[in-house]
Amino acid sequence: MKFLYDLFPVILFFIVFKLFGIYEATAVAIAATIAQIAWAKIRTGKVDGTLIMSGVIIVIFGGATLWLHDESFIKWKPTILYWLFTIGLLGSQWLFKRNLIRKLMEKQIAMPDPIWSRLNLAWAMFFLFLGFLNLYVAFNFSTDLWVDFKLFGTMGLMFLFVIAQTLLLNKHMTEQKQDEE
């Protein structure tokens, strides 16, 4: 359910783009993200930092798209978000010695420190790659294809990456269980 909640603005963007166009879709994505932030605040009393960051980026880049009537700004939005994730993952690990991936997952999974470091790096590099790939698709193909890629392409790549990570993590978790016996 959280997966659909997280994708809510992207799905609305996709539908409105197909029916009306890029500028209407951008306005709806801004409104949907603001509504998501308000709903989270009302429901739980707090808002996830990632959602706030995404909200600020969509308001800035979506707002620039609408104000300047230039779709290139909204095409940059996913890349900026992915690259901020990359900076956050690497910066927290290298500067503050905090592994954000471990912090998110350590209650569900126990692994050795080097594996956590590699997992954090893998996610950072994946987000870096997604940022470049988004720019490539956005500025080398039609806007229609970019919108399809934004929803289906990135979701598919994310799914494949998570599967690959799960297979790799399972190997290390099995080794750790055997070491503990």
Protein backbone atom coordinates (compact mmCIF):
# COMPACT_ATOMS: atom_id res chain seq x y z
CA MET A 1 0.00 0.00 0.00
CA LYS A 2 2.86 2.39 0.81
CA PHE A 3 4.27 1.67 -2.66
CA LEU A 4 1.07 2.99 -4.28
CA TYR A 5 1.00 5.92 -1.87
CA ASP A 6 4.56 6.83 -2.88
CA LEU A 7 3.70 6.54 -6.58
CA PHE A 8 0.45 8.52 -6.29
CA PRO A 9 1.80 11.80 -7.79
CA VAL A 10 3.65 9.95 -10.57
CA ILE A 11 0.57 7.93 -11.52
CA LEU A 12 -1.58 11.08 -11.54
CA PHE A 13 1.09 12.86 -13.61
CA PHE A 14 1.01 9.99 -16.11
CA ILE A 15 -2.80 9.93 -16.42
CA VAL A 16 -3.21 13.69 -16.69
CA PHE A 17 -0.36 13.90 -19.21
CA LYS A 18 -2.02 11.29 -21.42
CA LEU A 19 -5.37 13.11 -21.23
CA PHE A 20 -4.37 16.79 -21.27
CA GLY A 21 -0.62 17.44 -21.61
CA ILE A 22 2.60 18.21 -19.78
CA TYR A 23 1.61 21.50 -18.14
CA GLU A 24 -1.64 20.18 -16.70
CA ALA A 25 0.15 17.03 -15.54
CA THR A 26 2.82 19.14 -13.86
CA ALA A 27 0.21 21.21 -12.00
CA VAL A 28 -1.54 18.03 -10.85
CA ALA A 29 1.76 16.49 -9.68
CA ILE A 30 2.52 19.60 -7.62
CA ALA A 31 -0.97 19.55 -6.08
CA ALA A 32 -0.82 15.78 -5.44
CA THR A 33 2.55 16.03 -3.70
CA ILE A 34 1.39 18.92 -1.52
CA ALA A 35 -1.75 16.92 -0.69
CA GLN A 36 0.44 13.92 0.18
CA ILE A 37 2.53 16.04 2.55
CA ALA A 38 -0.62 17.49 4.18
CA TRP A 39 -2.18 14.02 4.51
CA ALA A 40 0.97 12.62 6.13
CA LYS A 41 1.07 15.53 8.58
CA ILE A 42 -2.61 15.17 9.49
CA ARG A 43 -2.50 11.37 9.70
CA THR A 44 0.75 10.85 11.62
CA GLY A 45 1.77 14.28 12.84
CA LYS A 46 5.06 14.10 10.93
CA VAL A 47 6.28 14.05 7.35
CA ASP A 48 9.08 11.86 6.01
CA GLY A 49 12.16 13.84 4.95
CA THR A 50 12.16 12.19 1.53
CA LEU A 51 8.60 13.34 0.91
CA ILE A 52 9.48 16.89 1.95
CA MET A 53 12.53 16.88 -0.32
CA SER A 54 10.43 15.56 -3.21
CA GLY A 55 7.81 18.22 -2.49
CA VAL A 56 10.33 21.05 -2.55
CA ILE A 57 11.82 19.77 -5.80
CA ILE A 58 8.44 19.36 -7.54
CA VAL A 59 7.35 22.83 -6.45
CA ILE A 60 10.60 24.40 -7.69
CA PHE A 61 11.01 22.49 -10.96
CA GLY A 62 7.29 22.07 -11.64
CA GLY A 63 6.73 25.72 -10.81
CA ALA A 64 9.50 26.75 -13.22
CA THR A 65 7.92 24.52 -15.89
CA LEU A 66 4.56 26.24 -15.47
CA TRP A 67 5.87 29.76 -15.02
CA LEU A 68 8.32 29.68 -17.94
CA HIS A 69 6.18 27.28 -20.01
CA ASP A 70 9.27 25.10 -20.53
CA GLU A 71 8.92 21.35 -20.01
CA SER A 72 12.65 20.82 -19.61
CA PHE A 73 12.45 21.83 -15.93
CA ILE A 74 10.03 19.03 -15.03
CA LYS A 75 12.23 16.61 -16.95
CA TRP A 76 15.13 17.51 -14.66
CA LYS A 77 13.09 16.87 -11.50
CA PRO A 78 13.65 13.06 -11.25
CA THR A 79 17.37 13.47 -11.91
CA ILE A 80 17.75 16.08 -9.18
CA LEU A 81 15.88 13.85 -6.74
CA TYR A 82 17.96 10.76 -7.64
CA TRP A 83 21.20 12.70 -7.34
CA LEU A 84 20.17 14.11 -3.95
CA PHE A 85 19.57 10.51 -2.84
CA THR A 86 23.07 9.65 -4.11
CA ILE A 87 24.62 12.57 -2.23
CA GLY A 88 22.66 11.69 0.92
CA LEU A 89 23.69 8.03 0.87
CA LEU A 90 27.36 8.69 0.14
CA GLY A 91 27.64 11.82 2.27
CA SER A 92 26.09 10.23 5.32
CA GLN A 93 28.40 7.24 5.05
CA TRP A 94 31.63 9.04 4.22
CA LEU A 95 31.22 12.26 6.21
CA PHE A 96 29.14 11.15 9.19
CA LYS A 97 29.92 7.41 9.28
CA ARG A 98 26.18 6.66 9.15
CA ASN A 99 24.83 4.14 6.69
CA LEU A 100 21.31 5.24 5.74
CA ILE A 101 20.42 1.95 4.03
CA ARG A 102 21.41 0.09 7.19
CA LYS A 103 19.36 2.48 9.30
CA LEU A 104 16.33 1.76 7.12
CA MET A 105 16.73 -2.01 7.03
CA GLU A 106 18.69 -3.25 10.05
CA LYS A 107 15.57 -4.19 12.03
CA GLN A 108 14.60 -6.65 9.28
CA ILE A 109 18.05 -7.88 8.20
CA ALA A 110 21.28 -8.64 10.07
CA MET A 111 24.48 -8.49 7.99
CA PRO A 112 28.16 -7.75 8.50
CA ASP A 113 29.32 -4.12 8.27
CA PRO A 114 31.17 -4.51 4.92
CA ILE A 115 27.99 -5.83 3.30
CA TRP A 116 26.01 -2.83 4.60
CA SER A 117 28.65 -0.53 3.13
CA ARG A 118 28.49 -2.24 -0.26
CA LEU A 119 24.70 -2.15 -0.23
CA ASN A 120 24.71 1.58 0.55
CA LEU A 121 27.20 2.18 -2.26
CA ALA A 122 25.17 0.04 -4.68
CA TRP A 123 22.03 2.08 -4.00
CA ALA A 124 23.94 5.33 -4.37
CA MET A 125 25.37 4.23 -7.73
CA PHE A 126 21.95 3.01 -8.85
CA PHE A 127 20.42 6.42 -8.12
CA LEU A 128 23.33 8.13 -9.89
CA PHE A 129 22.72 5.89 -12.92
CA LEU A 130 18.95 6.57 -12.86
CA GLY A 131 19.66 10.30 -12.87
CA PHE A 132 21.81 10.08 -15.98
CA LEU A 133 19.40 7.68 -17.66
CA ASN A 134 16.49 10.04 -16.97
CA LEU A 135 18.36 12.90 -18.65
CA TYR A 136 19.24 10.73 -21.62
CA VAL A 137 15.64 9.66 -22.18
CA ALA A 138 14.22 13.13 -21.41
CA PHE A 139 16.38 14.97 -23.90
CA ASN A 140 16.86 12.37 -26.64
CA PHE A 141 13.31 11.07 -27.04
CA SER A 142 9.81 12.49 -27.16
CA THR A 143 8.12 13.83 -24.05
CA ASP A 144 5.50 11.10 -24.45
CA LEU A 145 8.18 8.40 -24.30
CA TRP A 146 9.85 10.13 -21.34
CA VAL A 147 6.58 10.11 -19.38
CA ASP A 148 6.15 6.38 -20.11
CA PHE A 149 9.76 5.78 -19.02
CA LYS A 150 9.29 7.88 -15.88
CA LEU A 151 6.54 5.56 -14.66
CA PHE A 152 7.21 2.16 -16.22
CA GLY A 153 10.94 2.28 -17.02
CA THR A 154 12.16 3.50 -13.67
CA MET A 155 9.71 1.27 -11.81
CA GLY A 156 10.90 -1.74 -13.83
CA LEU A 157 14.56 -0.90 -13.24
CA MET A 158 13.89 -0.39 -9.53
CA PHE A 159 12.12 -3.75 -9.36
CA LEU A 160 15.01 -5.53 -11.10
CA PHE A 161 17.54 -3.81 -8.85
CA VAL A 162 15.63 -4.81 -5.70
CA ILE A 163 15.43 -8.42 -6.94
CA ALA A 164 19.18 -8.46 -7.61
CA GLN A 165 19.89 -6.96 -4.20
CA THR A 166 17.62 -9.51 -2.53
CA LEU A 167 19.44 -12.39 -4.21
CA LEU A 168 22.81 -11.00 -3.14
CA LEU A 169 21.68 -10.21 0.40
CA ASN A 170 20.16 -13.66 0.80
CA LYS A 171 23.58 -15.18 0.12
CA HIS A 172 25.20 -13.07 2.84
CA MET A 173 22.40 -13.61 5.32
CA THR A 174 22.70 -17.38 4.81
CA GLU A 175 26.46 -17.21 5.38
CA GLN A 176 25.95 -15.23 8.56
CA LYS A 177 23.36 -17.72 9.85
CA GLN A 178 25.77 -20.60 9.22
CA ASP A 179 28.57 -18.71 11.00
CA GLU A 180 26.31 -18.18 14.03
CA GLU A 181 25.44 -21.93 14.33
